[in-house]
Amino acid sequence: MRYMLLINSPESHYATLDADQMGELMGAYGTFTEDLQKSGAMLSAERLQPTSTATTVRVRDGKAQAVDGPFAETKEQVGGYYLIDVANLDEAIAWAEKIPSATYGSIEIRPIWEPDDPQG
């Protein structure tokens, strides 16, 4: 089953890290990504640019409006994701627990609607 692991953390956290700490964090992500790739579970992963680069589109009464910024003000922002293919939610949780940002942010696990899913 495919799951999206959404990495949520406060963008302000990264401004508090010095170069060594940022290097440690990126190294931890590199190790995690390599482990996930070797397991065969990783389908894709991307790091997102900060919310200051986001654009949100809404259509109301047939009119589209594009505004700068994310759709909601929150303490944590989506900073990236991993798309994985594992047997079940327990395996997805086991991988999510290993994502470095889980120690100061949160990882949201969302199942992907599969084409043959009757609820999709």
PDB file of N, CA and C in Angstrom:
ATOM      1  N   MET A   1       0.845  -1.176   0.000  1.00  0.00           N
ATOM      2  CA  MET A   1       0.000   0.000   0.000  1.00  0.00           C
ATOM      3  C   MET A   1       0.886   1.234   0.000  1.00  0.00           C
ATOM      4  N   ARG A   2       0.458   2.236  -0.729  1.00  0.00           N
ATOM      5  CA  ARG A   2       1.236   3.474  -0.793  1.00  0.00           C
ATOM      6  C   ARG A   2       0.781   4.451   0.287  1.00  0.00           C
ATOM      7  N   TYR A   3       1.762   5.122   0.882  1.00  0.00           N
ATOM      8  CA  TYR A   3       1.510   6.131   1.907  1.00  0.00           C
ATOM      9  C   TYR A   3       2.366   7.354   1.613  1.00  0.00           C
ATOM     10  N   MET A   4       1.804   8.522   1.893  1.00  0.00           N
ATOM     11  CA  MET A   4       2.545   9.776   1.836  1.00  0.00           C
ATOM     12  C   MET A   4       2.919  10.125   3.271  1.00  0.00           C
ATOM     13  N   LEU A   5       4.207  10.321   3.500  1.00  0.00           N
ATOM     14  CA  LEU A   5       4.699  10.765   4.805  1.00  0.00           C
ATOM     15  C   LEU A   5       4.993  12.251   4.683  1.00  0.00           C
ATOM     16  N   LEU A   6       4.107  13.084   5.220  1.00  0.00           N
ATOM     17  CA  LEU A   6       4.244  14.537   5.135  1.00  0.00           C
ATOM     18  C   LEU A   6       5.041  15.037   6.328  1.00  0.00           C
ATOM     19  N   ILE A   7       6.127  15.724   6.052  1.00  0.00           N
ATOM     20  CA  ILE A   7       7.039  16.204   7.090  1.00  0.00           C
ATOM     21  C   ILE A   7       6.613  17.607   7.495  1.00  0.00           C
ATOM     22  N   ASN A   8       6.146  17.750   8.728  1.00  0.00           N
ATOM     23  CA  ASN A   8       5.678  19.036   9.247  1.00  0.00           C
ATOM     24  C   ASN A   8       6.607  19.503  10.353  1.00  0.00           C
ATOM     25  N   SER A   9       7.110  20.707  10.209  1.00  0.00           N
ATOM     26  CA  SER A   9       7.968  21.271  11.253  1.00  0.00           C
ATOM     27  C   SER A   9       7.937  22.789  11.140  1.00  0.00           C
ATOM     28  N   PRO A  10       8.261  23.470  12.237  1.00  0.00           N
ATOM     29  CA  PRO A  10       8.300  24.932  12.177  1.00  0.00           C
ATOM     30  C   PRO A  10       9.489  25.395  11.339  1.00  0.00           C
ATOM     31  N   GLU A  11       9.225  26.185  10.310  1.00  0.00           N
ATOM     32  CA  GLU A  11      10.327  26.701   9.484  1.00  0.00           C
ATOM     33  C   GLU A  11      11.315  27.495  10.320  1.00  0.00           C
ATOM     34  N   SER A  12      10.836  28.130  11.368  1.00  0.00           N
ATOM     35  CA  SER A  12      11.707  28.946  12.216  1.00  0.00           C
ATOM     36  C   SER A  12      12.773  28.101  12.915  1.00  0.00           C
ATOM     37  N   HIS A  13      12.538  26.819  13.052  1.00  0.00           N
ATOM     38  CA  HIS A  13      13.513  25.933  13.712  1.00  0.00           C
ATOM     39  C   HIS A  13      14.855  25.953  12.985  1.00  0.00           C
ATOM     40  N   TYR A  14      14.813  25.974  11.667  1.00  0.00           N
ATOM     41  CA  TYR A  14      16.045  25.881  10.887  1.00  0.00           C
ATOM     42  C   TYR A  14      16.922  27.132  11.036  1.00  0.00           C
ATOM     43  N   ALA A  15      16.303  28.269  11.314  1.00  0.00           N
ATOM     44  CA  ALA A  15      17.065  29.503  11.517  1.00  0.00           C
ATOM     45  C   ALA A  15      17.863  29.454  12.820  1.00  0.00           C
ATOM     46  N   THR A  16      17.488  28.566  13.734  1.00  0.00           N
ATOM     47  CA  THR A  16      18.184  28.464  15.013  1.00  0.00           C
ATOM     48  C   THR A  16      19.391  27.531  14.939  1.00  0.00           C
ATOM     49  N   LEU A  17      19.555  26.827  13.834  1.00  0.00           N
ATOM     50  CA  LEU A  17      20.648  25.866  13.703  1.00  0.00           C
ATOM     51  C   LEU A  17      21.894  26.529  13.132  1.00  0.00           C
ATOM     52  N   ASP A  18      23.044  26.210  13.712  1.00  0.00           N
ATOM     53  CA  ASP A  18      24.284  26.689  13.118  1.00  0.00           C
ATOM     54  C   ASP A  18      24.681  25.735  11.991  1.00  0.00           C
ATOM     55  N   ALA A  19      25.763  26.028  11.308  1.00  0.00           N
ATOM     56  CA  ALA A  19      26.173  25.243  10.136  1.00  0.00           C
ATOM     57  C   ALA A  19      26.428  23.784  10.501  1.00  0.00           C
ATOM     58  N   ASP A  20      27.039  23.531  11.654  1.00  0.00           N
ATOM     59  CA  ASP A  20      27.308  22.153  12.073  1.00  0.00           C
ATOM     60  C   ASP A  20      26.006  21.400  12.345  1.00  0.00           C
ATOM     61  N   GLN A  21      25.079  22.046  13.037  1.00  0.00           N
ATOM     62  CA  GLN A  21      23.802  21.413  13.336  1.00  0.00           C
ATOM     63  C   GLN A  21      23.015  21.130  12.054  1.00  0.00           C
ATOM     64  N   MET A  22      23.039  22.073  11.114  1.00  0.00           N
ATOM     65  CA  MET A  22      22.341  21.860   9.844  1.00  0.00           C
ATOM     66  C   MET A  22      22.999  20.711   9.084  1.00  0.00           C
ATOM     67  N   GLY A  23      24.314  20.655   9.129  1.00  0.00           N
ATOM     68  CA  GLY A  23      25.032  19.550   8.495  1.00  0.00           C
ATOM     69  C   GLY A  23      24.659  18.204   9.102  1.00  0.00           C
ATOM     70  N   GLU A  24      24.531  18.161  10.426  1.00  0.00           N
ATOM     71  CA  GLU A  24      24.112  16.929  11.109  1.00  0.00           C
ATOM     72  C   GLU A  24      22.715  16.517  10.666  1.00  0.00           C
ATOM     73  N   LEU A  25      21.811  17.491  10.603  1.00  0.00           N
ATOM     74  CA  LEU A  25      20.431  17.207  10.202  1.00  0.00           C
ATOM     75  C   LEU A  25      20.375  16.683   8.769  1.00  0.00           C
ATOM     76  N   MET A  26      21.082  17.354   7.864  1.00  0.00           N
ATOM     77  CA  MET A  26      21.077  16.912   6.464  1.00  0.00           C
ATOM     78  C   MET A  26      21.736  15.534   6.331  1.00  0.00           C
ATOM     79  N   GLY A  27      22.756  15.272   7.146  1.00  0.00           N
ATOM     80  CA  GLY A  27      23.374  13.958   7.161  1.00  0.00           C
ATOM     81  C   GLY A  27      22.407  12.880   7.635  1.00  0.00           C
ATOM     82  N   ALA A  28      21.628  13.218   8.667  1.00  0.00           N
ATOM     83  CA  ALA A  28      20.626  12.271   9.177  1.00  0.00           C
ATOM     84  C   ALA A  28      19.572  11.986   8.113  1.00  0.00           C
ATOM     85  N   TYR A  29      19.167  13.036   7.395  1.00  0.00           N
ATOM     86  CA  TYR A  29      18.206  12.827   6.297  1.00  0.00           C
ATOM     87  C   TYR A  29      18.822  11.970   5.189  1.00  0.00           C
ATOM     88  N   GLY A  30      20.085  12.193   4.889  1.00  0.00           N
ATOM     89  CA  GLY A  30      20.755  11.391   3.870  1.00  0.00           C
ATOM     90  C   GLY A  30      20.785   9.917   4.247  1.00  0.00           C
ATOM     91  N   THR A  31      21.092   9.637   5.508  1.00  0.00           N
ATOM     92  CA  THR A  31      21.120   8.260   5.995  1.00  0.00           C
ATOM     93  C   THR A  31      19.727   7.640   5.948  1.00  0.00           C
ATOM     94  N   PHE A  32      18.729   8.392   6.416  1.00  0.00           N
ATOM     95  CA  PHE A  32      17.359   7.883   6.386  1.00  0.00           C
ATOM     96  C   PHE A  32      16.921   7.570   4.961  1.00  0.00           C
ATOM     97  N   THR A  33      17.180   8.496   4.044  1.00  0.00           N
ATOM     98  CA  THR A  33      16.778   8.307   2.649  1.00  0.00           C
ATOM     99  C   THR A  33      17.471   7.095   2.044  1.00  0.00           C
ATOM    100  N   GLU A  34      18.748   6.936   2.329  1.00  0.00           N
ATOM    101  CA  GLU A  34      19.488   5.784   1.807  1.00  0.00           C
ATOM    102  C   GLU A  34      18.905   4.474   2.350  1.00  0.00           C
ATOM    103  N   ASP A  35      18.581   4.441   3.640  1.00  0.00           N
ATOM    104  CA  ASP A  35      17.983   3.246   4.237  1.00  0.00           C
ATOM    105  C   ASP A  35      16.630   2.928   3.599  1.00  0.00           C
ATOM    106  N   LEU A  36      15.834   3.967   3.378  1.00  0.00           N
ATOM    107  CA  LEU A  36      14.517   3.780   2.767  1.00  0.00           C
ATOM    108  C   LEU A  36      14.655   3.279   1.332  1.00  0.00           C
ATOM    109  N   GLN A  37      15.609   3.841   0.584  1.00  0.00           N
ATOM    110  CA  GLN A  37      15.853   3.385  -0.786  1.00  0.00           C
ATOM    111  C   GLN A  37      16.291   1.928  -0.810  1.00  0.00           C
ATOM    112  N   LYS A  38      17.230   1.561   0.062  1.00  0.00           N
ATOM    113  CA  LYS A  38      17.736   0.188   0.114  1.00  0.00           C
ATOM    114  C   LYS A  38      16.638  -0.812   0.463  1.00  0.00           C
ATOM    115  N   SER A  39      15.651  -0.388   1.234  1.00  0.00           N
ATOM    116  CA  SER A  39      14.566  -1.287   1.628  1.00  0.00           C
ATOM    117  C   SER A  39      13.629  -1.587   0.452  1.00  0.00           C
ATOM    118  N   GLY A  40      13.671  -0.720  -0.566  1.00  0.00           N
ATOM    119  CA  GLY A  40      12.766  -0.871  -1.706  1.00  0.00           C
ATOM    120  C   GLY A  40      11.412  -0.220  -1.498  1.00  0.00           C
ATOM    121  N   ALA A  41      11.211   0.419  -0.349  1.00  0.00           N
ATOM    122  CA  ALA A  41       9.910   1.025  -0.047  1.00  0.00           C
ATOM    123  C   ALA A  41       9.747   2.437  -0.615  1.00  0.00           C
ATOM    124  N   MET A  42      10.852   3.132  -0.899  1.00  0.00           N
ATOM    125  CA  MET A  42      10.748   4.523  -1.346  1.00  0.00           C
ATOM    126  C   MET A  42      10.348   4.620  -2.811  1.00  0.00           C
ATOM    127  N   LEU A  43       9.296   5.384  -3.063  1.00  0.00           N
ATOM    128  CA  LEU A  43       8.860   5.665  -4.428  1.00  0.00           C
ATOM    129  C   LEU A  43       9.356   7.032  -4.883  1.00  0.00           C
ATOM    130  N   SER A  44       9.284   8.032  -3.996  1.00  0.00           N
ATOM    131  CA  SER A  44       9.805   9.365  -4.299  1.00  0.00           C
ATOM    132  C   SER A  44       9.902  10.167  -3.011  1.00  0.00           C
ATOM    133  N   ALA A  45      10.621  11.269  -3.086  1.00  0.00           N
ATOM    134  CA  ALA A  45      10.767  12.173  -1.955  1.00  0.00           C
ATOM    135  C   ALA A  45      11.216  13.522  -2.494  1.00  0.00           C
ATOM    136  N   GLU A  46      10.757  14.579  -1.872  1.00  0.00           N
ATOM    137  CA  GLU A  46      11.160  15.930  -2.254  1.00  0.00           C
ATOM    138  C   GLU A  46      11.142  16.829  -1.038  1.00  0.00           C
ATOM    139  N   ARG A  47      12.066  17.768  -1.040  1.00  0.00           N
ATOM    140  CA  ARG A  47      12.087  18.833  -0.041  1.00  0.00           C
ATOM    141  C   ARG A  47      11.413  20.037  -0.679  1.00  0.00           C
ATOM    142  N   LEU A  48      10.553  20.703   0.065  1.00  0.00           N
ATOM    143  CA  LEU A  48       9.840  21.866  -0.456  1.00  0.00           C
ATOM    144  C   LEU A  48      10.542  23.160  -0.067  1.00  0.00           C
ATOM    145  N   GLN A  49      10.385  24.176  -0.908  1.00  0.00           N
ATOM    146  CA  GLN A  49      10.897  25.500  -0.567  1.00  0.00           C
ATOM    147  C   GLN A  49      10.022  26.089   0.535  1.00  0.00           C
ATOM    148  N   PRO A  50      10.481  27.135   1.224  1.00  0.00           N
ATOM    149  CA  PRO A  50       9.725  27.707   2.346  1.00  0.00           C
ATOM    150  C   PRO A  50       8.348  28.229   1.929  1.00  0.00           C
ATOM    151  N   THR A  51       7.479  28.369   2.915  1.00  0.00           N
ATOM    152  CA  THR A  51       6.123  28.852   2.654  1.00  0.00           C
ATOM    153  C   THR A  51       6.118  30.256   2.044  1.00  0.00           C
ATOM    154  N   SER A  52       7.180  31.007   2.230  1.00  0.00           N
ATOM    155  CA  SER A  52       7.236  32.352   1.634  1.00  0.00           C
ATOM    156  C   SER A  52       7.218  32.282   0.108  1.00  0.00           C
ATOM    157  N   THR A  53       7.491  31.124  -0.464  1.00  0.00           N
ATOM    158  CA  THR A  53       7.464  30.962  -1.925  1.00  0.00           C
ATOM    159  C   THR A  53       6.140  30.384  -2.416  1.00  0.00           C
ATOM    160  N   ALA A  54       5.238  30.056  -1.489  1.00  0.00           N
ATOM    161  CA  ALA A  54       3.976  29.394  -1.850  1.00  0.00           C
ATOM    162  C   ALA A  54       2.976  30.355  -2.481  1.00  0.00           C
ATOM    163  N   THR A  55       2.129  29.796  -3.307  1.00  0.00           N
ATOM    164  CA  THR A  55       0.972  30.492  -3.867  1.00  0.00           C
ATOM    165  C   THR A  55      -0.239  29.598  -3.655  1.00  0.00           C
ATOM    166  N   THR A  56      -1.328  30.169  -3.209  1.00  0.00           N
ATOM    167  CA  THR A  56      -2.544  29.406  -2.969  1.00  0.00           C
ATOM    168  C   THR A  56      -3.626  29.888  -3.917  1.00  0.00           C
ATOM    169  N   VAL A  57      -4.301  28.948  -4.551  1.00  0.00           N
ATOM    170  CA  VAL A  57      -5.383  29.266  -5.487  1.00  0.00           C
ATOM    171  C   VAL A  57      -6.700  28.797  -4.892  1.00  0.00           C
ATOM    172  N   ARG A  58      -7.695  29.688  -4.948  1.00  0.00           N
ATOM    173  CA  ARG A  58      -9.062  29.355  -4.538  1.00  0.00           C
ATOM    174  C   ARG A  58      -9.992  29.781  -5.670  1.00  0.00           C
ATOM    175  N   VAL A  59     -11.009  28.974  -5.896  1.00  0.00           N
ATOM    176  CA  VAL A  59     -12.037  29.346  -6.870  1.00  0.00           C
ATOM    177  C   VAL A  59     -13.344  29.492  -6.107  1.00  0.00           C
ATOM    178  N   ARG A  60     -13.925  30.673  -6.158  1.00  0.00           N
ATOM    179  CA  ARG A  60     -15.188  30.958  -5.478  1.00  0.00           C
ATOM    180  C   ARG A  60     -16.118  31.623  -6.484  1.00  0.00           C
ATOM    181  N   ASP A  61     -17.322  31.108  -6.558  1.00  0.00           N
ATOM    182  CA  ASP A  61     -18.318  31.643  -7.494  1.00  0.00           C
ATOM    183  C   ASP A  61     -17.755  31.726  -8.907  1.00  0.00           C
ATOM    184  N   GLY A  62     -16.985  30.720  -9.283  1.00  0.00           N
ATOM    185  CA  GLY A  62     -16.440  30.654 -10.632  1.00  0.00           C
ATOM    186  C   GLY A  62     -15.253  31.559 -10.902  1.00  0.00           C
ATOM    187  N   LYS A  63     -14.783  32.271  -9.897  1.00  0.00           N
ATOM    188  CA  LYS A  63     -13.646  33.179 -10.075  1.00  0.00           C
ATOM    189  C   LYS A  63     -12.438  32.663  -9.301  1.00  0.00           C
ATOM    190  N   ALA A  64     -11.324  32.588 -10.000  1.00  0.00           N
ATOM    191  CA  ALA A  64     -10.086  32.126  -9.373  1.00  0.00           C
ATOM    192  C   ALA A  64      -9.351  33.294  -8.738  1.00  0.00           C
ATOM    193  N   GLN A  65      -8.790  33.036  -7.590  1.00  0.00           N
ATOM    194  CA  GLN A  65      -7.971  34.037  -6.909  1.00  0.00           C
ATOM    195  C   GLN A  65      -6.682  33.348  -6.468  1.00  0.00           C
ATOM    196  N   ALA A  66      -5.563  33.916  -6.842  1.00  0.00           N
ATOM    197  CA  ALA A  66      -4.256  33.411  -6.420  1.00  0.00           C
ATOM    198  C   ALA A  66      -3.673  34.401  -5.429  1.00  0.00           C
ATOM    199  N   VAL A  67      -3.249  33.883  -4.284  1.00  0.00           N
ATOM    200  CA  VAL A  67      -2.656  34.739  -3.254  1.00  0.00           C
ATOM    201  C   VAL A  67      -1.311  34.172  -2.837  1.00  0.00           C
ATOM    202  N   ASP A  68      -0.425  35.040  -2.424  1.00  0.00           N
ATOM    203  CA  ASP A  68       0.873  34.604  -1.939  1.00  0.00           C
ATOM    204  C   ASP A  68       0.714  33.902  -0.597  1.00  0.00           C
ATOM    205  N   GLY A  69       1.512  32.902  -0.405  1.00  0.00           N
ATOM    206  CA  GLY A  69       1.568  32.239   0.890  1.00  0.00           C
ATOM    207  C   GLY A  69       0.788  30.949   0.954  1.00  0.00           C
ATOM    208  N   PRO A  70       0.946  30.237   2.079  1.00  0.00           N
ATOM    209  CA  PRO A  70       0.249  28.973   2.277  1.00  0.00           C
ATOM    210  C   PRO A  70      -1.235  29.211   2.554  1.00  0.00           C
ATOM    211  N   PHE A  71      -2.005  28.152   2.493  1.00  0.00           N
ATOM    212  CA  PHE A  71      -3.446  28.293   2.643  1.00  0.00           C
ATOM    213  C   PHE A  71      -3.882  28.554   4.071  1.00  0.00           C
ATOM    214  N   ALA A  72      -3.060  28.229   5.046  1.00  0.00           N
ATOM    215  CA  ALA A  72      -3.449  28.421   6.442  1.00  0.00           C
ATOM    216  C   ALA A  72      -2.234  28.813   7.271  1.00  0.00           C
ATOM    217  N   GLU A  73      -2.476  29.597   8.287  1.00  0.00           N
ATOM    218  CA  GLU A  73      -1.417  29.935   9.234  1.00  0.00           C
ATOM    219  C   GLU A  73      -1.346  28.819  10.268  1.00  0.00           C
ATOM    220  N   THR A  74      -0.201  28.210  10.390  1.00  0.00           N
ATOM    221  CA  THR A  74      -0.012  27.128  11.349  1.00  0.00           C
ATOM    222  C   THR A  74       1.350  27.270  12.007  1.00  0.00           C
ATOM    223  N   LYS A  75       1.547  26.560  13.104  1.00  0.00           N
ATOM    224  CA  LYS A  75       2.849  26.590  13.772  1.00  0.00           C
ATOM    225  C   LYS A  75       3.859  25.732  13.027  1.00  0.00           C
ATOM    226  N   GLU A  76       3.368  24.710  12.332  1.00  0.00           N
ATOM    227  CA  GLU A  76       4.238  23.831  11.555  1.00  0.00           C
ATOM    228  C   GLU A  76       3.860  23.940  10.086  1.00  0.00           C
ATOM    229  N   GLN A  77       4.844  23.785   9.226  1.00  0.00           N
ATOM    230  CA  GLN A  77       4.614  23.848   7.795  1.00  0.00           C
ATOM    231  C   GLN A  77       5.080  22.542   7.160  1.00  0.00           C
ATOM    232  N   VAL A  78       4.448  22.186   6.035  1.00  0.00           N
ATOM    233  CA  VAL A  78       4.893  21.009   5.296  1.00  0.00           C
ATOM    234  C   VAL A  78       6.206  21.370   4.619  1.00  0.00           C
ATOM    235  N   GLY A  79       7.251  20.650   4.962  1.00  0.00           N
ATOM    236  CA  GLY A  79       8.578  20.950   4.432  1.00  0.00           C
ATOM    237  C   GLY A  79       9.050  19.960   3.388  1.00  0.00           C
ATOM    238  N   GLY A  80       8.326  18.863   3.256  1.00  0.00           N
ATOM    239  CA  GLY A  80       8.706  17.853   2.288  1.00  0.00           C
ATOM    240  C   GLY A  80       7.893  16.604   2.498  1.00  0.00           C
ATOM    241  N   TYR A  81       8.227  15.569   1.734  1.00  0.00           N
ATOM    242  CA  TYR A  81       7.475  14.326   1.847  1.00  0.00           C
ATOM    243  C   TYR A  81       8.310  13.148   1.364  1.00  0.00           C
ATOM    244  N   TYR A  82       7.869  11.980   1.765  1.00  0.00           N
ATOM    245  CA  TYR A  82       8.326  10.712   1.215  1.00  0.00           C
ATOM    246  C   TYR A  82       7.081   9.966   0.773  1.00  0.00           C
ATOM    247  N   LEU A  83       7.102   9.430  -0.422  1.00  0.00           N
ATOM    248  CA  LEU A  83       6.046   8.556  -0.902  1.00  0.00           C
ATOM    249  C   LEU A  83       6.609   7.146  -0.838  1.00  0.00           C
ATOM    250  N   ILE A  84       5.949   6.293  -0.051  1.00  0.00           N
ATOM    251  CA  ILE A  84       6.473   4.947   0.167  1.00  0.00           C
ATOM    252  C   ILE A  84       5.436   3.897  -0.208  1.00  0.00           C
ATOM    253  N   ASP A  85       5.908   2.694  -0.431  1.00  0.00           N
ATOM    254  CA  ASP A  85       5.039   1.558  -0.710  1.00  0.00           C
ATOM    255  C   ASP A  85       5.425   0.455   0.261  1.00  0.00           C
ATOM    256  N   VAL A  86       4.557   0.215   1.244  1.00  0.00           N
ATOM    257  CA  VAL A  86       4.810  -0.784   2.279  1.00  0.00           C
ATOM    258  C   VAL A  86       3.558  -1.640   2.461  1.00  0.00           C
ATOM    259  N   ALA A  87       3.669  -2.692   3.237  1.00  0.00           N
ATOM    260  CA  ALA A  87       2.575  -3.652   3.390  1.00  0.00           C
ATOM    261  C   ALA A  87       1.376  -3.092   4.152  1.00  0.00           C
ATOM    262  N   ASN A  88       1.641  -2.211   5.150  1.00  0.00           N
ATOM    263  CA  ASN A  88       0.533  -1.766   5.990  1.00  0.00           C
ATOM    264  C   ASN A  88       0.906  -0.507   6.764  1.00  0.00           C
ATOM    265  N   LEU A  89      -0.056   0.002   7.518  1.00  0.00           N
ATOM    266  CA  LEU A  89       0.151   1.223   8.292  1.00  0.00           C
ATOM    267  C   LEU A  89       1.252   1.049   9.338  1.00  0.00           C
ATOM    268  N   ASP A  90       1.343  -0.118   9.938  1.00  0.00           N
ATOM    269  CA  ASP A  90       2.394  -0.336  10.934  1.00  0.00           C
ATOM    270  C   ASP A  90       3.782  -0.108  10.337  1.00  0.00           C
ATOM    271  N   GLU A  91       4.008  -0.581   9.118  1.00  0.00           N
ATOM    272  CA  GLU A  91       5.302  -0.353   8.462  1.00  0.00           C
ATOM    273  C   GLU A  91       5.491   1.126   8.146  1.00  0.00           C
ATOM    274  N   ALA A  92       4.430   1.806   7.725  1.00  0.00           N
ATOM    275  CA  ALA A  92       4.521   3.245   7.449  1.00  0.00           C
ATOM    276  C   ALA A  92       4.881   4.008   8.717  1.00  0.00           C
ATOM    277  N   ILE A  93       4.273   3.628   9.831  1.00  0.00           N
ATOM    278  CA  ILE A  93       4.581   4.278  11.106  1.00  0.00           C
ATOM    279  C   ILE A  93       6.034   4.027  11.484  1.00  0.00           C
ATOM    280  N   ALA A  94       6.510   2.813  11.279  1.00  0.00           N
ATOM    281  CA  ALA A  94       7.903   2.500  11.617  1.00  0.00           C
ATOM    282  C   ALA A  94       8.871   3.376  10.823  1.00  0.00           C
ATOM    283  N   TRP A  95       8.590   3.623   9.557  1.00  0.00           N
ATOM    284  CA  TRP A  95       9.446   4.507   8.762  1.00  0.00           C
ATOM    285  C   TRP A  95       9.293   5.960   9.229  1.00  0.00           C
ATOM    286  N   ALA A  96       8.060   6.395   9.489  1.00  0.00           N
ATOM    287  CA  ALA A  96       7.829   7.783   9.912  1.00  0.00           C
ATOM    288  C   ALA A  96       8.576   8.109  11.197  1.00  0.00           C
ATOM    289  N   GLU A  97       8.659   7.151  12.105  1.00  0.00           N
ATOM    290  CA  GLU A  97       9.366   7.367  13.377  1.00  0.00           C
ATOM    291  C   GLU A  97      10.841   7.646  13.170  1.00  0.00           C
ATOM    292  N   LYS A  98      11.395   7.231  12.046  1.00  0.00           N
ATOM    293  CA  LYS A  98      12.824   7.388  11.778  1.00  0.00           C
ATOM    294  C   LYS A  98      13.158   8.691  11.052  1.00  0.00           C
ATOM    295  N   ILE A  99      12.152   9.438  10.602  1.00  0.00           N
ATOM    296  CA  ILE A  99      12.413  10.691   9.897  1.00  0.00           C
ATOM    297  C   ILE A  99      12.980  11.700  10.898  1.00  0.00           C
ATOM    298  N   PRO A 100      14.137  12.288  10.616  1.00  0.00           N
ATOM    299  CA  PRO A 100      14.788  13.180  11.585  1.00  0.00           C
ATOM    300  C   PRO A 100      13.888  14.291  12.142  1.00  0.00           C
ATOM    301  N   SER A 101      13.044  14.884  11.339  1.00  0.00           N
ATOM    302  CA  SER A 101      12.198  15.985  11.809  1.00  0.00           C
ATOM    303  C   SER A 101      11.127  15.548  12.798  1.00  0.00           C
ATOM    304  N   ALA A 102      10.905  14.255  12.935  1.00  0.00           N
ATOM    305  CA  ALA A 102       9.910  13.773  13.898  1.00  0.00           C
ATOM    306  C   ALA A 102      10.296  14.127  15.331  1.00  0.00           C
ATOM    307  N   THR A 103      11.582  14.427  15.561  1.00  0.00           N
ATOM    308  CA  THR A 103      12.024  14.756  16.916  1.00  0.00           C
ATOM    309  C   THR A 103      11.641  16.172  17.340  1.00  0.00           C
ATOM    310  N   TYR A 104      11.295  17.045  16.399  1.00  0.00           N
ATOM    311  CA  TYR A 104      10.898  18.412  16.752  1.00  0.00           C
ATOM    312  C   TYR A 104       9.665  18.878  15.993  1.00  0.00           C
ATOM    313  N   GLY A 105       9.178  18.082  15.072  1.00  0.00           N
ATOM    314  CA  GLY A 105       7.970  18.394  14.310  1.00  0.00           C
ATOM    315  C   GLY A 105       7.037  17.199  14.377  1.00  0.00           C
ATOM    316  N   SER A 106       6.339  16.949  13.278  1.00  0.00           N
ATOM    317  CA  SER A 106       5.449  15.795  13.219  1.00  0.00           C
ATOM    318  C   SER A 106       5.444  15.247  11.800  1.00  0.00           C
ATOM    319  N   ILE A 107       5.082  13.988  11.694  1.00  0.00           N
ATOM    320  CA  ILE A 107       4.983  13.335  10.398  1.00  0.00           C
ATOM    321  C   ILE A 107       3.545  12.869  10.242  1.00  0.00           C
ATOM    322  N   GLU A 108       2.871  13.382   9.242  1.00  0.00           N
ATOM    323  CA  GLU A 108       1.499  12.957   8.958  1.00  0.00           C
ATOM    324  C   GLU A 108       1.561  11.840   7.922  1.00  0.00           C
ATOM    325  N   ILE A 109       0.893  10.747   8.218  1.00  0.00           N
ATOM    326  CA  ILE A 109       0.853   9.599   7.313  1.00  0.00           C
ATOM    327  C   ILE A 109      -0.519   9.569   6.654  1.00  0.00           C
ATOM    328  N   ARG A 110      -0.517   9.629   5.322  1.00  0.00           N
ATOM    329  CA  ARG A 110      -1.784   9.606   4.588  1.00  0.00           C
ATOM    330  C   ARG A 110      -1.750   8.504   3.546  1.00  0.00           C
ATOM    331  N   PRO A 111      -2.717   7.576   3.588  1.00  0.00           N
ATOM    332  CA  PRO A 111      -2.780   6.560   2.541  1.00  0.00           C
ATOM    333  C   PRO A 111      -3.157   7.202   1.212  1.00  0.00           C
ATOM    334  N   ILE A 112      -2.635   6.646   0.149  1.00  0.00           N
ATOM    335  CA  ILE A 112      -2.947   7.122  -1.201  1.00  0.00           C
ATOM    336  C   ILE A 112      -4.190   6.391  -1.689  1.00  0.00           C
ATOM    337  N   TRP A 113      -5.111   7.113  -2.325  1.00  0.00           N
ATOM    338  CA  TRP A 113      -6.268   6.461  -2.948  1.00  0.00           C
ATOM    339  C   TRP A 113      -5.748   5.625  -4.107  1.00  0.00           C
ATOM    340  N   GLU A 114      -6.007   4.355  -4.048  1.00  0.00           N
ATOM    341  CA  GLU A 114      -5.612   3.463  -5.132  1.00  0.00           C
ATOM    342  C   GLU A 114      -6.759   3.383  -6.138  1.00  0.00           C
ATOM    343  N   PRO A 115      -6.439   3.236  -7.436  1.00  0.00           N
ATOM    344  CA  PRO A 115      -7.482   3.208  -8.471  1.00  0.00           C
ATOM    345  C   PRO A 115      -8.553   2.141  -8.243  1.00  0.00           C
ATOM    346  N   ASP A 116      -8.186   1.017  -7.646  1.00  0.00           N
ATOM    347  CA  ASP A 116      -9.157  -0.052  -7.451  1.00  0.00           C
ATOM    348  C   ASP A 116      -9.857   0.013  -6.083  1.00  0.00           C
ATOM    349  N   ASP A 117      -9.624   1.089  -5.322  1.00  0.00           N
ATOM    350  CA  ASP A 117     -10.250   1.262  -4.031  1.00  0.00           C
ATOM    351  C   ASP A 117     -11.694   1.717  -4.237  1.00  0.00           C
ATOM    352  N   PRO A 118     -12.696   0.968  -3.748  1.00  0.00           N
ATOM    353  CA  PRO A 118     -14.096   1.337  -3.977  1.00  0.00           C
ATOM    354  C   PRO A 118     -14.495   2.660  -3.336  1.00  0.00           C
ATOM    355  N   GLN A 119     -13.742   3.109  -2.333  1.00  0.00           N
ATOM    356  CA  GLN A 119     -14.057   4.390  -1.686  1.00  0.00           C
ATOM    357  C   GLN A 119     -13.388   5.555  -2.385  1.00  0.00           C
ATOM    358  N   GLY A 120     -12.542   5.289  -3.371  1.00  0.00           N
ATOM    359  CA  GLY A 120     -11.806   6.337  -4.059  1.00  0.00           C
ATOM    360  C   GLY A 120     -12.588   6.831  -5.209  1.00  0.00           C
TER     361      GLY A 120
END
